[in-house]
């Protein structure tokens, strides 16, 4: 679901919002990020929130929130956006892309693919250029990234 959450949904805990979203309720992108954070922390996966926004002078434009998770073996962050079902962004060499790399990727770049989850539990790989127009409304080089690292710190 995408769109505006009802006040009754917004007042719920993150886990209760997860259950409501699974049941078809609309939740904000930031709640998707909090849901990922909840489960990643439970699995002891280091992760953080990323806010991407466009500014028009002193006025802030559209804001979207998603996550990155840390890959200790590669010493690299990788972007994930569960609102769009995007589990991983991968370049031609098989490297996972972080938020900056995704934001700056050319929509027509045929070398970038996206691993997406489907409603039946399987995964599909799609060319970056074939993502929904909503995705490209949120992402792009003109946008600014803000990182929030208020994460569970009891990792190895």
N, C-alpha and C. Protein backbone atom coordinates (compact mmCIF):
# COMPACT_ATOMS: atom_id res chain seq x y z
N UNK A 1 0.83 -1.20 0.00
CA UNK A 1 0.00 0.00 0.00
C UNK A 1 0.87 1.24 0.00
N UNK A 2 0.39 2.25 -0.63
CA UNK A 2 1.03 3.56 -0.61
C UNK A 2 -0.06 4.57 -0.32
N UNK A 3 0.34 5.75 0.08
CA UNK A 3 -0.64 6.81 0.28
C UNK A 3 -0.69 7.28 1.70
N UNK A 4 -1.75 7.97 2.03
CA UNK A 4 -1.89 8.60 3.33
C UNK A 4 -2.46 7.60 4.33
N UNK A 5 -1.80 7.50 5.46
CA UNK A 5 -2.27 6.62 6.54
C UNK A 5 -3.41 7.29 7.29
N UNK A 6 -4.29 6.49 7.83
CA UNK A 6 -5.34 7.04 8.69
C UNK A 6 -4.75 7.31 10.07
N UNK A 7 -5.38 8.19 10.83
CA UNK A 7 -4.90 8.49 12.18
C UNK A 7 -4.88 7.25 13.05
N UNK A 8 -5.85 6.36 12.86
CA UNK A 8 -5.89 5.15 13.69
C UNK A 8 -4.71 4.23 13.40
N UNK A 9 -4.25 4.19 12.17
CA UNK A 9 -3.07 3.38 11.81
C UNK A 9 -1.80 4.04 12.34
N UNK A 10 -1.69 5.35 12.18
CA UNK A 10 -0.50 6.09 12.61
C UNK A 10 -0.26 5.94 14.10
N UNK A 11 -1.30 5.77 14.89
CA UNK A 11 -1.17 5.66 16.34
C UNK A 11 -0.68 4.28 16.79
N UNK A 12 -0.63 3.31 15.90
CA UNK A 12 -0.23 1.95 16.25
C UNK A 12 1.29 1.84 16.38
N UNK A 13 1.75 0.81 17.09
CA UNK A 13 3.18 0.51 17.15
C UNK A 13 3.65 0.07 15.76
N UNK A 14 4.97 0.04 15.57
CA UNK A 14 5.53 -0.36 14.28
C UNK A 14 5.07 -1.77 13.92
N UNK A 15 5.11 -2.70 14.88
CA UNK A 15 4.69 -4.07 14.59
C UNK A 15 3.20 -4.14 14.25
N UNK A 16 2.40 -3.37 14.96
CA UNK A 16 0.96 -3.34 14.66
C UNK A 16 0.71 -2.72 13.29
N UNK A 17 1.51 -1.73 12.91
CA UNK A 17 1.37 -1.15 11.57
C UNK A 17 1.77 -2.17 10.50
N UNK A 18 2.79 -2.96 10.79
CA UNK A 18 3.19 -4.03 9.88
C UNK A 18 2.01 -4.97 9.65
N UNK A 19 1.38 -5.40 10.75
CA UNK A 19 0.23 -6.30 10.62
C UNK A 19 -0.91 -5.65 9.85
N UNK A 20 -1.14 -4.35 10.09
CA UNK A 20 -2.19 -3.63 9.37
C UNK A 20 -1.87 -3.53 7.88
N UNK A 21 -0.59 -3.26 7.55
CA UNK A 21 -0.18 -3.17 6.15
C UNK A 21 -0.34 -4.50 5.44
N UNK A 22 0.01 -5.59 6.12
CA UNK A 22 -0.17 -6.93 5.54
C UNK A 22 -1.66 -7.17 5.26
N UNK A 23 -2.50 -6.58 6.09
CA UNK A 23 -3.95 -6.69 5.91
C UNK A 23 -4.52 -5.72 4.89
N UNK A 24 -3.67 -4.90 4.25
CA UNK A 24 -4.12 -4.03 3.19
C UNK A 24 -4.28 -2.56 3.55
N UNK A 25 -3.97 -2.19 4.79
CA UNK A 25 -4.06 -0.79 5.18
C UNK A 25 -2.94 0.03 4.54
N UNK A 26 -3.20 1.29 4.30
CA UNK A 26 -2.19 2.18 3.73
C UNK A 26 -1.30 2.71 4.85
N UNK A 27 0.02 2.70 4.58
CA UNK A 27 0.98 3.27 5.53
C UNK A 27 1.97 4.12 4.75
N UNK A 28 2.62 5.03 5.45
CA UNK A 28 3.61 5.92 4.84
C UNK A 28 4.92 5.19 4.57
N UNK A 29 5.72 5.74 3.66
CA UNK A 29 7.02 5.15 3.33
C UNK A 29 7.92 5.06 4.57
N UNK A 30 7.84 6.07 5.45
CA UNK A 30 8.64 6.04 6.68
C UNK A 30 8.29 4.88 7.57
N UNK A 31 7.04 4.45 7.54
CA UNK A 31 6.63 3.28 8.33
C UNK A 31 7.21 2.00 7.73
N UNK A 32 7.28 1.94 6.39
CA UNK A 32 7.95 0.79 5.75
C UNK A 32 9.40 0.73 6.24
N UNK A 33 10.06 1.90 6.28
CA UNK A 33 11.45 1.94 6.74
C UNK A 33 11.55 1.50 8.20
N UNK A 34 10.59 1.90 9.03
CA UNK A 34 10.61 1.48 10.44
C UNK A 34 10.35 -0.02 10.57
N UNK A 35 9.50 -0.56 9.71
CA UNK A 35 9.23 -2.01 9.73
C UNK A 35 10.50 -2.78 9.36
N UNK A 36 11.18 -2.34 8.30
CA UNK A 36 12.45 -2.99 7.95
C UNK A 36 13.42 -2.90 9.10
N UNK A 37 13.53 -1.73 9.71
CA UNK A 37 14.42 -1.50 10.84
C UNK A 37 14.09 -2.46 11.99
N UNK A 38 12.81 -2.61 12.29
CA UNK A 38 12.37 -3.50 13.38
C UNK A 38 12.87 -4.93 13.15
N UNK A 39 12.63 -5.46 11.95
CA UNK A 39 13.01 -6.84 11.68
C UNK A 39 14.52 -6.99 11.50
N UNK A 40 15.17 -6.01 10.90
CA UNK A 40 16.63 -6.07 10.74
C UNK A 40 17.31 -6.04 12.10
N UNK A 41 16.84 -5.17 12.99
CA UNK A 41 17.41 -5.14 14.34
C UNK A 41 17.21 -6.45 15.06
N UNK A 42 16.03 -7.05 14.91
CA UNK A 42 15.77 -8.35 15.54
C UNK A 42 16.73 -9.41 15.02
N UNK A 43 17.14 -9.29 13.76
CA UNK A 43 18.09 -10.23 13.15
C UNK A 43 19.54 -9.77 13.33
N UNK A 44 19.73 -8.67 14.09
CA UNK A 44 21.04 -8.09 14.37
C UNK A 44 21.77 -7.64 13.09
N UNK A 45 21.00 -7.11 12.15
CA UNK A 45 21.55 -6.55 10.92
C UNK A 45 21.65 -5.04 11.08
N UNK A 46 22.85 -4.52 10.97
CA UNK A 46 23.05 -3.07 11.09
C UNK A 46 22.36 -2.39 9.91
N UNK A 47 21.55 -1.38 10.22
CA UNK A 47 20.81 -0.69 9.17
C UNK A 47 20.56 0.74 9.59
N UNK A 48 20.11 1.54 8.63
CA UNK A 48 19.80 2.94 8.93
C UNK A 48 18.72 3.44 7.98
N UNK A 49 18.07 4.51 8.44
CA UNK A 49 17.06 5.19 7.63
C UNK A 49 17.76 6.17 6.69
N UNK A 50 17.23 6.32 5.50
CA UNK A 50 17.70 7.32 4.55
C UNK A 50 16.47 8.13 4.14
N UNK A 51 16.61 9.44 4.22
CA UNK A 51 15.55 10.34 3.74
C UNK A 51 16.08 10.99 2.48
N UNK A 52 15.28 10.96 1.43
CA UNK A 52 15.67 11.59 0.17
C UNK A 52 14.63 12.67 -0.13
N UNK A 53 15.12 13.88 -0.41
CA UNK A 53 14.16 14.96 -0.66
C UNK A 53 14.69 15.95 -1.68
N UNK A 54 13.75 16.65 -2.25
CA UNK A 54 14.04 17.71 -3.21
C UNK A 54 13.76 19.03 -2.52
N UNK A 55 14.65 19.97 -2.66
CA UNK A 55 14.44 21.31 -2.11
C UNK A 55 14.28 22.30 -3.24
N UNK A 56 13.40 23.25 -3.01
CA UNK A 56 13.16 24.34 -3.95
C UNK A 56 13.49 25.62 -3.22
N UNK A 57 14.78 25.99 -3.22
CA UNK A 57 15.20 27.15 -2.44
C UNK A 57 15.09 26.82 -0.97
N UNK A 58 14.33 27.62 -0.23
CA UNK A 58 14.15 27.41 1.21
C UNK A 58 13.01 26.45 1.50
N UNK A 59 12.30 25.99 0.46
CA UNK A 59 11.14 25.11 0.65
C UNK A 59 11.52 23.67 0.34
N UNK A 60 11.23 22.78 1.27
CA UNK A 60 11.49 21.36 1.06
C UNK A 60 10.36 20.76 0.23
N UNK A 61 10.73 19.99 -0.79
CA UNK A 61 9.74 19.34 -1.64
C UNK A 61 9.39 17.97 -1.11
N UNK A 62 9.10 17.05 -2.03
CA UNK A 62 8.71 15.70 -1.66
C UNK A 62 9.80 14.98 -0.88
N UNK A 63 9.38 14.18 0.08
CA UNK A 63 10.30 13.41 0.92
C UNK A 63 9.94 11.94 0.80
N UNK A 64 10.95 11.10 0.70
CA UNK A 64 10.75 9.65 0.70
C UNK A 64 11.76 9.05 1.68
N UNK A 65 11.36 8.00 2.39
CA UNK A 65 12.23 7.35 3.38
C UNK A 65 12.39 5.89 3.00
N UNK A 66 13.62 5.41 3.05
CA UNK A 66 13.93 4.01 2.78
C UNK A 66 15.10 3.62 3.67
N UNK A 67 15.75 2.49 3.42
CA UNK A 67 16.81 2.00 4.30
C UNK A 67 18.07 1.64 3.53
N UNK A 68 19.14 1.50 4.30
CA UNK A 68 20.36 0.82 3.86
C UNK A 68 20.67 -0.20 4.95
N UNK A 69 21.31 -1.30 4.55
CA UNK A 69 21.80 -2.29 5.51
C UNK A 69 23.28 -2.49 5.24
N UNK A 70 24.00 -2.86 6.29
CA UNK A 70 25.45 -2.96 6.19
C UNK A 70 25.88 -4.39 5.89
N UNK A 71 26.81 -4.52 4.94
CA UNK A 71 27.39 -5.81 4.56
C UNK A 71 28.81 -5.88 5.14
N UNK A 72 28.99 -6.49 6.32
CA UNK A 72 30.31 -6.48 6.96
C UNK A 72 31.41 -7.08 6.10
N UNK A 73 31.11 -8.16 5.39
CA UNK A 73 32.13 -8.82 4.57
C UNK A 73 32.63 -7.94 3.44
N UNK A 74 31.79 -7.07 2.94
CA UNK A 74 32.17 -6.17 1.85
C UNK A 74 32.49 -4.77 2.35
N UNK A 75 32.24 -4.53 3.65
CA UNK A 75 32.44 -3.20 4.26
C UNK A 75 31.74 -2.12 3.44
N UNK A 76 30.46 -2.39 3.17
CA UNK A 76 29.68 -1.51 2.31
C UNK A 76 28.21 -1.51 2.74
N UNK A 77 27.56 -0.36 2.55
CA UNK A 77 26.13 -0.25 2.76
C UNK A 77 25.41 -0.58 1.45
N UNK A 78 24.23 -1.19 1.54
CA UNK A 78 23.41 -1.51 0.36
C UNK A 78 22.01 -0.95 0.58
N UNK A 79 21.45 -0.36 -0.45
CA UNK A 79 20.12 0.24 -0.37
C UNK A 79 19.03 -0.82 -0.51
N UNK A 80 17.92 -0.59 0.19
CA UNK A 80 16.73 -1.43 0.10
C UNK A 80 15.53 -0.51 0.27
N UNK A 81 14.50 -0.70 -0.53
CA UNK A 81 13.29 0.12 -0.43
C UNK A 81 12.09 -0.80 -0.50
N UNK A 82 11.63 -1.25 0.67
CA UNK A 82 10.57 -2.26 0.66
C UNK A 82 9.23 -1.69 0.23
N UNK A 83 9.03 -0.37 0.29
CA UNK A 83 7.78 0.18 -0.21
C UNK A 83 7.63 -0.11 -1.70
N UNK A 84 8.73 -0.06 -2.43
CA UNK A 84 8.71 -0.34 -3.87
C UNK A 84 9.03 -1.82 -4.15
N UNK A 85 9.18 -2.64 -3.12
CA UNK A 85 9.53 -4.07 -3.24
C UNK A 85 10.95 -4.27 -3.74
N UNK A 86 11.80 -3.24 -3.66
CA UNK A 86 13.18 -3.31 -4.15
C UNK A 86 14.10 -3.81 -3.04
N UNK A 87 14.55 -5.04 -3.18
CA UNK A 87 15.39 -5.70 -2.18
C UNK A 87 16.87 -5.36 -2.39
N UNK A 88 17.28 -5.19 -3.65
CA UNK A 88 18.68 -4.89 -3.94
C UNK A 88 18.78 -4.25 -5.32
N UNK A 89 19.78 -3.38 -5.43
CA UNK A 89 20.12 -2.74 -6.70
C UNK A 89 21.51 -3.25 -7.04
N UNK A 90 21.69 -3.76 -8.26
CA UNK A 90 22.92 -4.46 -8.62
C UNK A 90 23.48 -3.90 -9.92
N UNK A 91 24.81 -3.64 -9.94
CA UNK A 91 25.44 -3.16 -11.17
C UNK A 91 25.86 -4.35 -12.03
N UNK A 92 26.42 -4.07 -13.20
CA UNK A 92 26.79 -5.12 -14.16
C UNK A 92 27.82 -6.09 -13.60
N UNK A 93 28.66 -5.64 -12.65
CA UNK A 93 29.68 -6.50 -12.05
C UNK A 93 29.12 -7.32 -10.89
N UNK A 94 27.82 -7.15 -10.56
CA UNK A 94 27.22 -7.90 -9.46
C UNK A 94 27.35 -7.22 -8.11
N UNK A 95 27.82 -5.97 -8.09
CA UNK A 95 27.96 -5.24 -6.83
C UNK A 95 26.63 -4.62 -6.40
N UNK A 96 26.34 -4.71 -5.11
CA UNK A 96 25.15 -4.06 -4.58
C UNK A 96 25.41 -2.56 -4.47
N UNK A 97 24.39 -1.76 -4.78
CA UNK A 97 24.52 -0.31 -4.77
C UNK A 97 24.01 0.28 -3.46
N UNK A 98 24.68 1.34 -3.00
CA UNK A 98 24.21 2.05 -1.81
C UNK A 98 23.26 3.17 -2.24
N UNK A 99 22.77 3.94 -1.28
CA UNK A 99 21.77 4.98 -1.55
C UNK A 99 22.29 6.03 -2.53
N UNK A 100 23.53 6.46 -2.36
CA UNK A 100 24.09 7.48 -3.25
C UNK A 100 24.16 6.95 -4.68
N UNK A 101 24.60 5.71 -4.82
CA UNK A 101 24.71 5.12 -6.16
C UNK A 101 23.35 4.95 -6.82
N UNK A 102 22.33 4.57 -6.04
CA UNK A 102 20.98 4.43 -6.59
C UNK A 102 20.44 5.80 -6.98
N UNK A 103 20.58 6.77 -6.10
CA UNK A 103 20.09 8.13 -6.35
C UNK A 103 20.69 8.71 -7.62
N UNK A 104 21.97 8.45 -7.85
CA UNK A 104 22.68 9.02 -9.00
C UNK A 104 22.63 8.17 -10.25
N UNK A 105 22.03 6.98 -10.17
CA UNK A 105 21.96 6.09 -11.33
C UNK A 105 21.06 6.70 -12.41
N UNK A 106 21.49 6.56 -13.64
CA UNK A 106 20.72 7.03 -14.78
C UNK A 106 19.56 6.05 -15.01
N UNK A 107 18.31 6.56 -15.06
CA UNK A 107 17.17 5.66 -15.29
C UNK A 107 17.31 4.80 -16.54
N UNK A 108 18.04 5.28 -17.54
CA UNK A 108 18.21 4.52 -18.77
C UNK A 108 19.40 3.57 -18.75
N UNK A 109 20.11 3.50 -17.63
CA UNK A 109 21.31 2.66 -17.53
C UNK A 109 20.92 1.19 -17.56
N UNK A 110 21.24 0.54 -18.64
CA UNK A 110 20.89 -0.87 -18.79
C UNK A 110 21.76 -1.82 -17.99
N UNK A 111 22.82 -1.30 -17.36
CA UNK A 111 23.71 -2.17 -16.60
C UNK A 111 23.25 -2.35 -15.15
N UNK A 112 22.26 -1.59 -14.71
CA UNK A 112 21.76 -1.71 -13.34
C UNK A 112 20.47 -2.52 -13.35
N UNK A 113 20.39 -3.49 -12.47
CA UNK A 113 19.16 -4.27 -12.32
C UNK A 113 18.68 -4.16 -10.87
N UNK A 114 17.43 -4.52 -10.67
CA UNK A 114 16.81 -4.43 -9.35
C UNK A 114 16.20 -5.78 -9.01
N UNK A 115 16.56 -6.30 -7.84
CA UNK A 115 15.94 -7.52 -7.34
C UNK A 115 14.71 -7.10 -6.56
N UNK A 116 13.55 -7.62 -6.96
CA UNK A 116 12.30 -7.26 -6.31
C UNK A 116 11.61 -8.50 -5.74
N UNK A 117 10.91 -8.28 -4.64
CA UNK A 117 10.08 -9.34 -4.08
C UNK A 117 8.72 -9.26 -4.74
N UNK A 118 8.08 -10.41 -4.88
CA UNK A 118 6.74 -10.44 -5.45
C UNK A 118 5.76 -10.89 -4.37
N UNK A 119 4.49 -10.73 -4.66
CA UNK A 119 3.46 -11.05 -3.67
C UNK A 119 3.37 -12.55 -3.38
N UNK A 120 3.89 -13.40 -4.28
CA UNK A 120 3.85 -14.84 -4.02
C UNK A 120 5.09 -15.35 -3.31
N UNK A 121 6.00 -14.41 -2.91
CA UNK A 121 7.17 -14.80 -2.14
C UNK A 121 8.41 -15.08 -2.97
N UNK A 122 8.31 -14.97 -4.28
CA UNK A 122 9.49 -15.19 -5.12
C UNK A 122 10.18 -13.86 -5.40
N UNK A 123 11.33 -13.94 -6.04
CA UNK A 123 12.10 -12.75 -6.39
C UNK A 123 12.23 -12.67 -7.90
N UNK A 124 12.21 -11.46 -8.42
CA UNK A 124 12.41 -11.24 -9.84
C UNK A 124 13.47 -10.15 -10.01
N UNK A 125 14.19 -10.23 -11.10
CA UNK A 125 15.19 -9.21 -11.44
C UNK A 125 14.64 -8.40 -12.61
N UNK A 126 14.64 -7.08 -12.43
CA UNK A 126 14.13 -6.18 -13.48
C UNK A 126 15.20 -5.16 -13.83
N UNK A 127 15.21 -4.71 -15.08
CA UNK A 127 16.11 -3.61 -15.43
C UNK A 127 15.69 -2.35 -14.66
N UNK A 128 16.66 -1.57 -14.22
CA UNK A 128 16.43 -0.34 -13.49
C UNK A 128 15.45 0.57 -14.24
N UNK A 129 15.60 0.65 -15.55
CA UNK A 129 14.76 1.53 -16.37
C UNK A 129 13.29 1.14 -16.35
N UNK A 130 12.97 -0.09 -15.94
CA UNK A 130 11.59 -0.55 -15.93
C UNK A 130 10.89 -0.37 -14.59
N UNK A 131 11.53 0.33 -13.65
CA UNK A 131 10.86 0.60 -12.37
C UNK A 131 9.69 1.55 -12.59
N UNK A 132 8.76 1.56 -11.63
CA UNK A 132 7.58 2.39 -11.72
C UNK A 132 7.94 3.87 -11.79
N UNK A 133 7.12 4.67 -12.50
CA UNK A 133 7.37 6.12 -12.53
C UNK A 133 7.42 6.74 -11.14
N UNK A 134 6.64 6.20 -10.18
CA UNK A 134 6.66 6.70 -8.80
C UNK A 134 8.07 6.63 -8.21
N UNK A 135 8.80 5.57 -8.56
CA UNK A 135 10.16 5.42 -8.05
C UNK A 135 11.02 6.59 -8.52
N UNK A 136 10.96 6.90 -9.81
CA UNK A 136 11.80 7.96 -10.35
C UNK A 136 11.32 9.35 -9.92
N UNK A 137 10.06 9.46 -9.47
CA UNK A 137 9.60 10.71 -8.87
C UNK A 137 10.29 10.95 -7.53
N UNK A 138 10.64 9.87 -6.83
CA UNK A 138 11.29 9.96 -5.51
C UNK A 138 12.80 10.09 -5.61
N UNK A 139 13.40 9.37 -6.55
CA UNK A 139 14.86 9.29 -6.65
C UNK A 139 15.37 10.16 -7.79
N UNK A 140 16.62 10.60 -7.69
CA UNK A 140 17.26 11.33 -8.77
C UNK A 140 18.42 12.15 -8.25
N UNK A 141 19.35 12.49 -9.14
CA UNK A 141 20.55 13.23 -8.74
C UNK A 141 20.28 14.58 -8.08
N UNK A 142 19.15 15.22 -8.39
CA UNK A 142 18.85 16.53 -7.81
C UNK A 142 18.37 16.44 -6.36
N UNK A 143 18.18 15.25 -5.88
CA UNK A 143 17.67 15.06 -4.52
C UNK A 143 18.81 15.01 -3.51
N UNK A 144 18.51 15.38 -2.28
CA UNK A 144 19.49 15.33 -1.19
C UNK A 144 19.19 14.13 -0.30
N UNK A 145 20.25 13.51 0.21
CA UNK A 145 20.11 12.37 1.12
C UNK A 145 20.43 12.80 2.54
N UNK A 146 19.65 12.29 3.49
CA UNK A 146 19.87 12.52 4.92
C UNK A 146 19.86 11.16 5.59
N UNK A 147 20.89 10.89 6.39
CA UNK A 147 21.06 9.59 7.02
C UNK A 147 20.71 9.67 8.50
N UNK A 148 19.98 8.66 8.98
CA UNK A 148 19.59 8.59 10.39
C UNK A 148 20.03 7.24 10.92
N UNK A 149 20.91 7.28 11.87
CA UNK A 149 21.46 6.04 12.41
C UNK A 149 21.11 5.94 13.89
N UNK A 150 19.86 5.58 14.16
CA UNK A 150 19.39 5.41 15.53
C UNK A 150 19.07 3.94 15.74
N UNK A 151 20.04 3.14 15.52
CA UNK A 151 19.86 1.71 15.32
C UNK A 151 20.34 0.91 16.53
N UNK A 152 19.81 -0.27 16.65
CA UNK A 152 20.24 -1.24 17.66
C UNK A 152 21.73 -1.51 17.46
N UNK A 153 22.54 -1.33 18.49
CA UNK A 153 23.99 -1.41 18.33
C UNK A 153 24.62 -2.67 18.90
N UNK A 154 23.87 -3.68 19.27
CA UNK A 154 24.48 -4.88 19.83
C UNK A 154 24.76 -5.91 18.74
N UNK A 155 25.61 -5.48 17.78
CA UNK A 155 26.04 -6.35 16.66
C UNK A 155 27.43 -6.87 16.94
N UNK A 156 27.81 -7.89 16.22
CA UNK A 156 29.16 -8.43 16.33
C UNK A 156 30.13 -7.54 15.61
